[in-house]
Amino acid sequence: MRQIEERASMRLLFDIEDDLLKDPERGDIIPGTRGARKARIGDRDLKRGKRGGYRYIYAYFHGYHHIVLLYLFAKNDTADLSADVKKELARIMGRIKESIK
C-alpha cells in the first residue's frame, strides 16, 4: 500500500476506479501471473497522457465482482515486469483467489 500512497493522488486513484468500473476487463492479462491485468492511465495533475503516465496492475474476479489494485508505477520507473515480479503476482493472485472462494 505504501507504493500507491507515495505515488498517487486521490484524483488518480478515482480515475483508475472510474476506468475499471466502466470496463473491468480493459487491461491485458499478463502471462505467468494467474490472471493479473496491466493497464495504463494518464495523470491529469501532471498533465501526462496514458503513454507518459502510470501503469497499474490489478485483479478482476468476474464471478465475484471484485477488483483489486495490486501495483501502481510510473512508466519511466519500470519498463517490463521481471520474472520475479510476475512470480510474486502469481502468488498473490493465488492467495486472493483462495480467500474469496
PDB file of N, CA and C in Angstrom:
ATOM      1  N   MET A   1       0.818  -1.193   0.000  1.00  0.00           N
ATOM      2  CA  MET A   1       0.000   0.000   0.000  1.00  0.00           C
ATOM      3  C   MET A   1       0.859   1.252   0.000  1.00  0.00           C
ATOM      4  N   ARG A   2       2.031   1.179   0.589  1.00  0.00           N
ATOM      5  CA  ARG A   2       2.886   2.357   0.649  1.00  0.00           C
ATOM      6  C   ARG A   2       3.200   2.889  -0.747  1.00  0.00           C
ATOM      7  N   GLN A   3       3.470   1.996  -1.692  1.00  0.00           N
ATOM      8  CA  GLN A   3       3.775   2.405  -3.064  1.00  0.00           C
ATOM      9  C   GLN A   3       2.665   3.278  -3.629  1.00  0.00           C
ATOM     10  N   ILE A   4       1.433   2.858  -3.460  1.00  0.00           N
ATOM     11  CA  ILE A   4       0.300   3.610  -4.002  1.00  0.00           C
ATOM     12  C   ILE A   4       0.159   4.945  -3.294  1.00  0.00           C
ATOM     13  N   GLU A   5       0.262   4.960  -1.978  1.00  0.00           N
ATOM     14  CA  GLU A   5       0.134   6.205  -1.230  1.00  0.00           C
ATOM     15  C   GLU A   5       1.221   7.207  -1.593  1.00  0.00           C
ATOM     16  N   GLU A   6       2.431   6.733  -1.861  1.00  0.00           N
ATOM     17  CA  GLU A   6       3.531   7.617  -2.210  1.00  0.00           C
ATOM     18  C   GLU A   6       3.387   8.182  -3.618  1.00  0.00           C
ATOM     19  N   ARG A   7       2.807   7.434  -4.526  1.00  0.00           N
ATOM     20  CA  ARG A   7       2.765   7.816  -5.924  1.00  0.00           C
ATOM     21  C   ARG A   7       1.503   8.542  -6.358  1.00  0.00           C
ATOM     22  N   ALA A   8       0.386   8.160  -5.793  1.00  0.00           N
ATOM     23  CA  ALA A   8      -0.887   8.552  -6.388  1.00  0.00           C
ATOM     24  C   ALA A   8      -1.627   9.601  -5.573  1.00  0.00           C
ATOM     25  N   SER A   9      -2.201  10.511  -6.293  1.00  0.00           N
ATOM     26  CA  SER A   9      -3.147  11.427  -5.669  1.00  0.00           C
ATOM     27  C   SER A   9      -4.493  10.713  -5.614  1.00  0.00           C
ATOM     28  N   MET A  10      -5.375  11.210  -4.796  1.00  0.00           N
ATOM     29  CA  MET A  10      -6.719  10.628  -4.742  1.00  0.00           C
ATOM     30  C   MET A  10      -7.396  10.763  -6.103  1.00  0.00           C
ATOM     31  N   ARG A  11      -7.120  11.824  -6.801  1.00  0.00           N
ATOM     32  CA  ARG A  11      -7.712  12.037  -8.134  1.00  0.00           C
ATOM     33  C   ARG A  11      -7.299  10.917  -9.088  1.00  0.00           C
ATOM     34  N   LEU A  12      -6.029  10.548  -9.047  1.00  0.00           N
ATOM     35  CA  LEU A  12      -5.549   9.471  -9.908  1.00  0.00           C
ATOM     36  C   LEU A  12      -6.218   8.149  -9.536  1.00  0.00           C
ATOM     37  N   LEU A  13      -6.334   7.882  -8.253  1.00  0.00           N
ATOM     38  CA  LEU A  13      -6.988   6.646  -7.813  1.00  0.00           C
ATOM     39  C   LEU A  13      -8.457   6.620  -8.227  1.00  0.00           C
ATOM     40  N   PHE A  14      -9.132   7.764  -8.146  1.00  0.00           N
ATOM     41  CA  PHE A  14     -10.526   7.826  -8.591  1.00  0.00           C
ATOM     42  C   PHE A  14     -10.620   7.620 -10.107  1.00  0.00           C
ATOM     43  N   ASP A  15      -9.634   8.126 -10.858  1.00  0.00           N
ATOM     44  CA  ASP A  15      -9.617   7.905 -12.308  1.00  0.00           C
ATOM     45  C   ASP A  15      -9.446   6.422 -12.628  1.00  0.00           C
ATOM     46  N   ILE A  16      -8.583   5.741 -11.888  1.00  0.00           N
ATOM     47  CA  ILE A  16      -8.406   4.292 -12.070  1.00  0.00           C
ATOM     48  C   ILE A  16      -9.717   3.582 -11.756  1.00  0.00           C
ATOM     49  N   GLU A  17     -10.322   3.952 -10.652  1.00  0.00           N
ATOM     50  CA  GLU A  17     -11.596   3.350 -10.259  1.00  0.00           C
ATOM     51  C   GLU A  17     -12.656   3.550 -11.345  1.00  0.00           C
ATOM     52  N   ASP A  18     -12.756   4.768 -11.868  1.00  0.00           N
ATOM     53  CA  ASP A  18     -13.736   5.044 -12.935  1.00  0.00           C
ATOM     54  C   ASP A  18     -13.481   4.177 -14.160  1.00  0.00           C
ATOM     55  N   ASP A  19     -12.219   4.080 -14.568  1.00  0.00           N
ATOM     56  CA  ASP A  19     -11.878   3.254 -15.737  1.00  0.00           C
ATOM     57  C   ASP A  19     -12.283   1.801 -15.523  1.00  0.00           C
ATOM     58  N   LEU A  20     -11.997   1.285 -14.344  1.00  0.00           N
ATOM     59  CA  LEU A  20     -12.280  -0.124 -14.075  1.00  0.00           C
ATOM     60  C   LEU A  20     -13.767  -0.395 -13.899  1.00  0.00           C
ATOM     61  N   LEU A  21     -14.498   0.563 -13.379  1.00  0.00           N
ATOM     62  CA  LEU A  21     -15.949   0.380 -13.274  1.00  0.00           C
ATOM     63  C   LEU A  21     -16.602   0.374 -14.657  1.00  0.00           C
ATOM     64  N   LYS A  22     -16.064   1.171 -15.570  1.00  0.00           N
ATOM     65  CA  LYS A  22     -16.589   1.198 -16.938  1.00  0.00           C
ATOM     66  C   LYS A  22     -16.266  -0.086 -17.688  1.00  0.00           C
ATOM     67  N   ASP A  23     -15.059  -0.600 -17.487  1.00  0.00           N
ATOM     68  CA  ASP A  23     -14.632  -1.802 -18.207  1.00  0.00           C
ATOM     69  C   ASP A  23     -13.602  -2.558 -17.379  1.00  0.00           C
ATOM     70  N   PRO A  24     -14.058  -3.457 -16.509  1.00  0.00           N
ATOM     71  CA  PRO A  24     -13.116  -4.164 -15.636  1.00  0.00           C
ATOM     72  C   PRO A  24     -12.154  -5.099 -16.369  1.00  0.00           C
ATOM     73  N   GLU A  25     -12.437  -5.402 -17.624  1.00  0.00           N
ATOM     74  CA  GLU A  25     -11.536  -6.269 -18.395  1.00  0.00           C
ATOM     75  C   GLU A  25     -10.677  -5.471 -19.367  1.00  0.00           C
ATOM     76  N   ARG A  26     -10.514  -4.193 -19.122  1.00  0.00           N
ATOM     77  CA  ARG A  26      -9.805  -3.299 -20.046  1.00  0.00           C
ATOM     78  C   ARG A  26      -8.331  -3.643 -20.200  1.00  0.00           C
ATOM     79  N   GLY A  27      -7.688  -4.081 -19.144  1.00  0.00           N
ATOM     80  CA  GLY A  27      -6.259  -4.372 -19.205  1.00  0.00           C
ATOM     81  C   GLY A  27      -5.963  -5.734 -19.792  1.00  0.00           C
ATOM     82  N   ASP A  28      -4.789  -5.840 -20.380  1.00  0.00           N
ATOM     83  CA  ASP A  28      -4.341  -7.124 -20.919  1.00  0.00           C
ATOM     84  C   ASP A  28      -3.909  -8.036 -19.776  1.00  0.00           C
ATOM     85  N   ILE A  29      -4.234  -9.316 -19.903  1.00  0.00           N
ATOM     86  CA  ILE A  29      -3.773 -10.290 -18.920  1.00  0.00           C
ATOM     87  C   ILE A  29      -2.267 -10.480 -19.087  1.00  0.00           C
ATOM     88  N   ILE A  30      -1.560 -10.457 -17.987  1.00  0.00           N
ATOM     89  CA  ILE A  30      -0.104 -10.612 -18.004  1.00  0.00           C
ATOM     90  C   ILE A  30       0.219 -12.105 -17.922  1.00  0.00           C
ATOM     91  N   PRO A  31       0.867 -12.656 -18.938  1.00  0.00           N
ATOM     92  CA  PRO A  31       1.208 -14.084 -18.901  1.00  0.00           C
ATOM     93  C   PRO A  31       2.032 -14.442 -17.667  1.00  0.00           C
ATOM     94  N   GLY A  32       1.740 -15.593 -17.091  1.00  0.00           N
ATOM     95  CA  GLY A  32       2.505 -16.086 -15.955  1.00  0.00           C
ATOM     96  C   GLY A  32       2.112 -15.510 -14.609  1.00  0.00           C
ATOM     97  N   THR A  33       0.975 -14.799 -14.541  1.00  0.00           N
ATOM     98  CA  THR A  33       0.581 -14.168 -13.282  1.00  0.00           C
ATOM     99  C   THR A  33      -0.740 -14.699 -12.723  1.00  0.00           C
ATOM    100  N   ARG A  34      -1.284 -15.730 -13.336  1.00  0.00           N
ATOM    101  CA  ARG A  34      -2.551 -16.322 -12.902  1.00  0.00           C
ATOM    102  C   ARG A  34      -3.725 -15.348 -13.044  1.00  0.00           C
ATOM    103  N   GLY A  35      -3.627 -14.454 -14.057  1.00  0.00           N
ATOM    104  CA  GLY A  35      -4.772 -13.609 -14.380  1.00  0.00           C
ATOM    105  C   GLY A  35      -4.656 -12.145 -14.046  1.00  0.00           C
ATOM    106  N   ALA A  36      -3.534 -11.692 -13.495  1.00  0.00           N
ATOM    107  CA  ALA A  36      -3.368 -10.260 -13.228  1.00  0.00           C
ATOM    108  C   ALA A  36      -3.389  -9.504 -14.558  1.00  0.00           C
ATOM    109  N   ARG A  37      -3.918  -8.300 -14.511  1.00  0.00           N
ATOM    110  CA  ARG A  37      -4.039  -7.472 -15.716  1.00  0.00           C
ATOM    111  C   ARG A  37      -3.225  -6.189 -15.569  1.00  0.00           C
ATOM    112  N   LYS A  38      -2.769  -5.661 -16.698  1.00  0.00           N
ATOM    113  CA  LYS A  38      -1.971  -4.441 -16.722  1.00  0.00           C
ATOM    114  C   LYS A  38      -2.686  -3.417 -17.592  1.00  0.00           C
ATOM    115  N   ALA A  39      -2.817  -2.197 -17.078  1.00  0.00           N
ATOM    116  CA  ALA A  39      -3.467  -1.130 -17.834  1.00  0.00           C
ATOM    117  C   ALA A  39      -2.693   0.180 -17.643  1.00  0.00           C
ATOM    118  N   ARG A  40      -3.019   1.141 -18.496  1.00  0.00           N
ATOM    119  CA  ARG A  40      -2.359   2.449 -18.448  1.00  0.00           C
ATOM    120  C   ARG A  40      -3.364   3.519 -18.068  1.00  0.00           C
ATOM    121  N   ILE A  41      -2.846   4.582 -17.452  1.00  0.00           N
ATOM    122  CA  ILE A  41      -3.693   5.728 -17.135  1.00  0.00           C
ATOM    123  C   ILE A  41      -2.846   6.990 -17.140  1.00  0.00           C
ATOM    124  N   GLY A  42      -3.430   8.068 -17.619  1.00  0.00           N
ATOM    125  CA  GLY A  42      -2.755   9.358 -17.596  1.00  0.00           C
ATOM    126  C   GLY A  42      -2.870   9.996 -16.224  1.00  0.00           C
ATOM    127  N   ASP A  43      -2.091  11.030 -16.017  1.00  0.00           N
ATOM    128  CA  ASP A  43      -2.135  11.768 -14.749  1.00  0.00           C
ATOM    129  C   ASP A  43      -2.555  13.194 -15.063  1.00  0.00           C
ATOM    130  N   ARG A  44      -3.812  13.508 -14.763  1.00  0.00           N
ATOM    131  CA  ARG A  44      -4.334  14.847 -15.066  1.00  0.00           C
ATOM    132  C   ARG A  44      -3.619  15.924 -14.261  1.00  0.00           C
ATOM    133  N   ASP A  45      -3.178  15.600 -13.051  1.00  0.00           N
ATOM    134  CA  ASP A  45      -2.487  16.593 -12.223  1.00  0.00           C
ATOM    135  C   ASP A  45      -1.156  17.021 -12.847  1.00  0.00           C
ATOM    136  N   LEU A  46      -0.456  16.069 -13.452  1.00  0.00           N
ATOM    137  CA  LEU A  46       0.838  16.370 -14.078  1.00  0.00           C
ATOM    138  C   LEU A  46       0.714  16.587 -15.581  1.00  0.00           C
ATOM    139  N   LYS A  47      -0.522  16.549 -16.066  1.00  0.00           N
ATOM    140  CA  LYS A  47      -0.810  16.743 -17.499  1.00  0.00           C
ATOM    141  C   LYS A  47      -0.033  15.763 -18.373  1.00  0.00           C
ATOM    142  N   ARG A  48      -0.064  14.488 -17.955  1.00  0.00           N
ATOM    143  CA  ARG A  48       0.553  13.414 -18.733  1.00  0.00           C
ATOM    144  C   ARG A  48      -0.545  12.515 -19.271  1.00  0.00           C
ATOM    145  N   GLY A  49      -0.417  12.137 -20.514  1.00  0.00           N
ATOM    146  CA  GLY A  49      -1.362  11.200 -21.100  1.00  0.00           C
ATOM    147  C   GLY A  49      -1.032   9.780 -20.701  1.00  0.00           C
ATOM    148  N   LYS A  50      -1.781   8.832 -21.260  1.00  0.00           N
ATOM    149  CA  LYS A  50      -1.573   7.426 -20.916  1.00  0.00           C
ATOM    150  C   LYS A  50      -0.168   6.951 -21.254  1.00  0.00           C
ATOM    151  N   ARG A  51       0.389   7.425 -22.375  1.00  0.00           N
ATOM    152  CA  ARG A  51       1.705   6.938 -22.794  1.00  0.00           C
ATOM    153  C   ARG A  51       2.808   7.364 -21.837  1.00  0.00           C
ATOM    154  N   GLY A  52       2.671   8.530 -21.219  1.00  0.00           N
ATOM    155  CA  GLY A  52       3.701   9.016 -20.303  1.00  0.00           C
ATOM    156  C   GLY A  52       3.283   8.959 -18.852  1.00  0.00           C
ATOM    157  N   GLY A  53       2.156   8.377 -18.587  1.00  0.00           N
ATOM    158  CA  GLY A  53       1.616   8.373 -17.234  1.00  0.00           C
ATOM    159  C   GLY A  53       1.992   7.158 -16.421  1.00  0.00           C
ATOM    160  N   TYR A  54       0.995   6.518 -15.894  1.00  0.00           N
ATOM    161  CA  TYR A  54       1.191   5.394 -14.988  1.00  0.00           C
ATOM    162  C   TYR A  54       0.714   4.089 -15.592  1.00  0.00           C
ATOM    163  N   ARG A  55       1.257   3.019 -15.043  1.00  0.00           N
ATOM    164  CA  ARG A  55       0.785   1.670 -15.329  1.00  0.00           C
ATOM    165  C   ARG A  55       0.268   1.118 -14.007  1.00  0.00           C
ATOM    166  N   TYR A  56      -0.760   0.322 -14.093  1.00  0.00           N
ATOM    167  CA  TYR A  56      -1.214  -0.325 -12.872  1.00  0.00           C
ATOM    168  C   TYR A  56      -1.571  -1.762 -13.159  1.00  0.00           C
ATOM    169  N   ILE A  57      -1.398  -2.563 -12.139  1.00  0.00           N
ATOM    170  CA  ILE A  57      -1.705  -3.986 -12.223  1.00  0.00           C
ATOM    171  C   ILE A  57      -2.845  -4.243 -11.259  1.00  0.00           C
ATOM    172  N   TYR A  58      -3.816  -4.968 -11.757  1.00  0.00           N
ATOM    173  CA  TYR A  58      -4.991  -5.232 -10.941  1.00  0.00           C
ATOM    174  C   TYR A  58      -5.507  -6.634 -11.216  1.00  0.00           C
ATOM    175  N   ALA A  59      -6.389  -7.061 -10.343  1.00  0.00           N
ATOM    176  CA  ALA A  59      -7.039  -8.364 -10.493  1.00  0.00           C
ATOM    177  C   ALA A  59      -8.534  -8.133 -10.587  1.00  0.00           C
ATOM    178  N   TYR A  60      -9.162  -8.810 -11.535  1.00  0.00           N
ATOM    179  CA  TYR A  60     -10.614  -8.749 -11.672  1.00  0.00           C
ATOM    180  C   TYR A  60     -11.155 -10.157 -11.543  1.00  0.00           C
ATOM    181  N   PHE A  61     -12.009 -10.350 -10.563  1.00  0.00           N
ATOM    182  CA  PHE A  61     -12.620 -11.645 -10.311  1.00  0.00           C
ATOM    183  C   PHE A  61     -14.079 -11.568 -10.740  1.00  0.00           C
ATOM    184  N   HIS A  62     -14.310 -11.896 -11.990  1.00  0.00           N
ATOM    185  CA  HIS A  62     -15.595 -11.718 -12.646  1.00  0.00           C
ATOM    186  C   HIS A  62     -16.757 -12.323 -11.862  1.00  0.00           C
ATOM    187  N   GLY A  63     -16.640 -13.562 -11.485  1.00  0.00           N
ATOM    188  CA  GLY A  63     -17.734 -14.244 -10.802  1.00  0.00           C
ATOM    189  C   GLY A  63     -18.082 -13.652  -9.447  1.00  0.00           C
ATOM    190  N   TYR A  64     -17.138 -12.924  -8.874  1.00  0.00           N
ATOM    191  CA  TYR A  64     -17.340 -12.350  -7.546  1.00  0.00           C
ATOM    192  C   TYR A  64     -17.522 -10.834  -7.587  1.00  0.00           C
ATOM    193  N   HIS A  65     -17.360 -10.236  -8.761  1.00  0.00           N
ATOM    194  CA  HIS A  65     -17.466  -8.782  -8.939  1.00  0.00           C
ATOM    195  C   HIS A  65     -16.494  -8.038  -8.025  1.00  0.00           C
ATOM    196  N   HIS A  66     -15.272  -8.553  -7.926  1.00  0.00           N
ATOM    197  CA  HIS A  66     -14.214  -7.946  -7.124  1.00  0.00           C
ATOM    198  C   HIS A  66     -13.119  -7.435  -8.056  1.00  0.00           C
ATOM    199  N   ILE A  67     -12.616  -6.264  -7.739  1.00  0.00           N
ATOM    200  CA  ILE A  67     -11.442  -5.712  -8.413  1.00  0.00           C
ATOM    201  C   ILE A  67     -10.458  -5.309  -7.319  1.00  0.00           C
ATOM    202  N   VAL A  68      -9.196  -5.719  -7.486  1.00  0.00           N
ATOM    203  CA  VAL A  68      -8.170  -5.415  -6.500  1.00  0.00           C
ATOM    204  C   VAL A  68      -7.007  -4.730  -7.211  1.00  0.00           C
ATOM    205  N   LEU A  69      -6.652  -3.528  -6.768  1.00  0.00           N
ATOM    206  CA  LEU A  69      -5.489  -2.836  -7.305  1.00  0.00           C
ATOM    207  C   LEU A  69      -4.254  -3.398  -6.615  1.00  0.00           C
ATOM    208  N   LEU A  70      -3.332  -3.941  -7.401  1.00  0.00           N
ATOM    209  CA  LEU A  70      -2.168  -4.625  -6.844  1.00  0.00           C
ATOM    210  C   LEU A  70      -0.900  -3.776  -6.851  1.00  0.00           C
ATOM    211  N   TYR A  71      -0.721  -2.993  -7.898  1.00  0.00           N
ATOM    212  CA  TYR A  71       0.564  -2.312  -8.058  1.00  0.00           C
ATOM    213  C   TYR A  71       0.383  -1.123  -8.980  1.00  0.00           C
ATOM    214  N   LEU A  72       1.030  -0.017  -8.652  1.00  0.00           N
ATOM    215  CA  LEU A  72       0.981   1.198  -9.457  1.00  0.00           C
ATOM    216  C   LEU A  72       2.404   1.695  -9.642  1.00  0.00           C
ATOM    217  N   PHE A  73       2.760   2.019 -10.886  1.00  0.00           N
ATOM    218  CA  PHE A  73       4.110   2.510 -11.135  1.00  0.00           C
ATOM    219  C   PHE A  73       4.116   3.447 -12.329  1.00  0.00           C
ATOM    220  N   ALA A  74       5.074   4.377 -12.309  1.00  0.00           N
ATOM    221  CA  ALA A  74       5.254   5.297 -13.430  1.00  0.00           C
ATOM    222  C   ALA A  74       5.949   4.553 -14.559  1.00  0.00           C
ATOM    223  N   LYS A  75       5.595   4.916 -15.783  1.00  0.00           N
ATOM    224  CA  LYS A  75       6.183   4.248 -16.939  1.00  0.00           C
ATOM    225  C   LYS A  75       7.709   4.354 -16.921  1.00  0.00           C
ATOM    226  N   ASN A  76       8.212   5.495 -16.514  1.00  0.00           N
ATOM    227  CA  ASN A  76       9.670   5.675 -16.532  1.00  0.00           C
ATOM    228  C   ASN A  76      10.374   4.926 -15.403  1.00  0.00           C
ATOM    229  N   ASP A  77       9.623   4.374 -14.435  1.00  0.00           N
ATOM    230  CA  ASP A  77      10.226   3.589 -13.353  1.00  0.00           C
ATOM    231  C   ASP A  77      10.449   2.133 -13.746  1.00  0.00           C
ATOM    232  N   THR A  78       9.504   1.567 -14.468  1.00  0.00           N
ATOM    233  CA  THR A  78       9.555   0.147 -14.801  1.00  0.00           C
ATOM    234  C   THR A  78       9.063  -0.058 -16.222  1.00  0.00           C
ATOM    235  N   ALA A  79       9.917  -0.548 -17.087  1.00  0.00           N
ATOM    236  CA  ALA A  79       9.505  -0.791 -18.470  1.00  0.00           C
ATOM    237  C   ALA A  79       8.747  -2.107 -18.576  1.00  0.00           C
ATOM    238  N   ASP A  80       9.377  -3.181 -18.178  1.00  0.00           N
ATOM    239  CA  ASP A  80       8.770  -4.505 -18.230  1.00  0.00           C
ATOM    240  C   ASP A  80       8.863  -5.146 -16.854  1.00  0.00           C
ATOM    241  N   LEU A  81       7.928  -6.020 -16.576  1.00  0.00           N
ATOM    242  CA  LEU A  81       7.929  -6.733 -15.297  1.00  0.00           C
ATOM    243  C   LEU A  81       8.926  -7.879 -15.357  1.00  0.00           C
ATOM    244  N   SER A  82       9.733  -7.993 -14.322  1.00  0.00           N
ATOM    245  CA  SER A  82      10.715  -9.067 -14.270  1.00  0.00           C
ATOM    246  C   SER A  82      10.024 -10.396 -13.987  1.00  0.00           C
ATOM    247  N   ALA A  83      10.746 -11.472 -14.203  1.00  0.00           N
ATOM    248  CA  ALA A  83      10.214 -12.805 -13.916  1.00  0.00           C
ATOM    249  C   ALA A  83       9.891 -12.941 -12.428  1.00  0.00           C
ATOM    250  N   ASP A  84      10.710 -12.345 -11.571  1.00  0.00           N
ATOM    251  CA  ASP A  84      10.454 -12.405 -10.130  1.00  0.00           C
ATOM    252  C   ASP A  84       9.166 -11.677  -9.758  1.00  0.00           C
ATOM    253  N   VAL A  85       8.925 -10.534 -10.373  1.00  0.00           N
ATOM    254  CA  VAL A  85       7.693  -9.786 -10.100  1.00  0.00           C
ATOM    255  C   VAL A  85       6.482 -10.579 -10.581  1.00  0.00           C
ATOM    256  N   LYS A  86       6.586 -11.172 -11.753  1.00  0.00           N
ATOM    257  CA  LYS A  86       5.474 -11.991 -12.260  1.00  0.00           C
ATOM    258  C   LYS A  86       5.207 -13.180 -11.342  1.00  0.00           C
ATOM    259  N   LYS A  87       6.264 -13.784 -10.830  1.00  0.00           N
ATOM    260  CA  LYS A  87       6.112 -14.913  -9.912  1.00  0.00           C
ATOM    261  C   LYS A  87       5.407 -14.456  -8.633  1.00  0.00           C
ATOM    262  N   GLU A  88       5.778 -13.300  -8.121  1.00  0.00           N
ATOM    263  CA  GLU A  88       5.142 -12.765  -6.923  1.00  0.00           C
ATOM    264  C   GLU A  88       3.675 -12.424  -7.183  1.00  0.00           C
ATOM    265  N   LEU A  89       3.386 -11.862  -8.344  1.00  0.00           N
ATOM    266  CA  LEU A  89       1.996 -11.572  -8.705  1.00  0.00           C
ATOM    267  C   LEU A  89       1.172 -12.856  -8.776  1.00  0.00           C
ATOM    268  N   ALA A  90       1.750 -13.900  -9.326  1.00  0.00           N
ATOM    269  CA  ALA A  90       1.045 -15.185  -9.396  1.00  0.00           C
ATOM    270  C   ALA A  90       0.749 -15.707  -7.994  1.00  0.00           C
ATOM    271  N   ARG A  91       1.698 -15.557  -7.090  1.00  0.00           N
ATOM    272  CA  ARG A  91       1.496 -15.985  -5.704  1.00  0.00           C
ATOM    273  C   ARG A  91       0.375 -15.174  -5.050  1.00  0.00           C
ATOM    274  N   ILE A  92       0.401 -13.876  -5.237  1.00  0.00           N
ATOM    275  CA  ILE A  92      -0.633 -13.002  -4.672  1.00  0.00           C
ATOM    276  C   ILE A  92      -1.998 -13.345  -5.252  1.00  0.00           C
ATOM    277  N   MET A  93      -2.040 -13.551  -6.555  1.00  0.00           N
ATOM    278  CA  MET A  93      -3.317 -13.897  -7.200  1.00  0.00           C
ATOM    279  C   MET A  93      -3.873 -15.198  -6.630  1.00  0.00           C
ATOM    280  N   GLY A  94      -3.011 -16.174  -6.407  1.00  0.00           N
ATOM    281  CA  GLY A  94      -3.450 -17.434  -5.832  1.00  0.00           C
ATOM    282  C   GLY A  94      -4.033 -17.250  -4.445  1.00  0.00           C
ATOM    283  N   ARG A  95      -3.390 -16.430  -3.637  1.00  0.00           N
ATOM    284  CA  ARG A  95      -3.885 -16.180  -2.276  1.00  0.00           C
ATOM    285  C   ARG A  95      -5.220 -15.452  -2.300  1.00  0.00           C
ATOM    286  N   ILE A  96      -5.360 -14.489  -3.193  1.00  0.00           N
ATOM    287  CA  ILE A  96      -6.632 -13.763  -3.285  1.00  0.00           C
ATOM    288  C   ILE A  96      -7.740 -14.705  -3.727  1.00  0.00           C
ATOM    289  N   LYS A  97      -7.459 -15.519  -4.742  1.00  0.00           N
ATOM    290  CA  LYS A  97      -8.472 -16.457  -5.232  1.00  0.00           C
ATOM    291  C   LYS A  97      -8.922 -17.410  -4.139  1.00  0.00           C
ATOM    292  N   GLU A  98      -7.985 -17.871  -3.336  1.00  0.00           N
ATOM    293  CA  GLU A  98      -8.327 -18.775  -2.226  1.00  0.00           C
ATOM    294  C   GLU A  98      -9.184 -18.063  -1.184  1.00  0.00           C
ATOM    295  N   SER A  99      -8.890 -16.806  -0.938  1.00  0.00           N
ATOM    296  CA  SER A  99      -9.606 -16.092   0.128  1.00  0.00           C
ATOM    297  C   SER A  99     -11.030 -15.690  -0.264  1.00  0.00           C
ATOM    298  N   ILE A 100     -11.320 -15.582  -1.551  1.00  0.00           N
ATOM    299  CA  ILE A 100     -12.683 -15.169  -1.939  1.00  0.00           C
ATOM    300  C   ILE A 100     -13.594 -16.327  -2.285  1.00  0.00           C
ATOM    301  N   LYS A 101     -13.073 -17.544  -2.219  1.00  0.00           N
ATOM    302  CA  LYS A 101     -13.916 -18.714  -2.529  1.00  0.00           C
ATOM    303  C   LYS A 101     -14.964 -18.914  -1.475  1.00  0.00           C
TER     304      LYS A 101
END
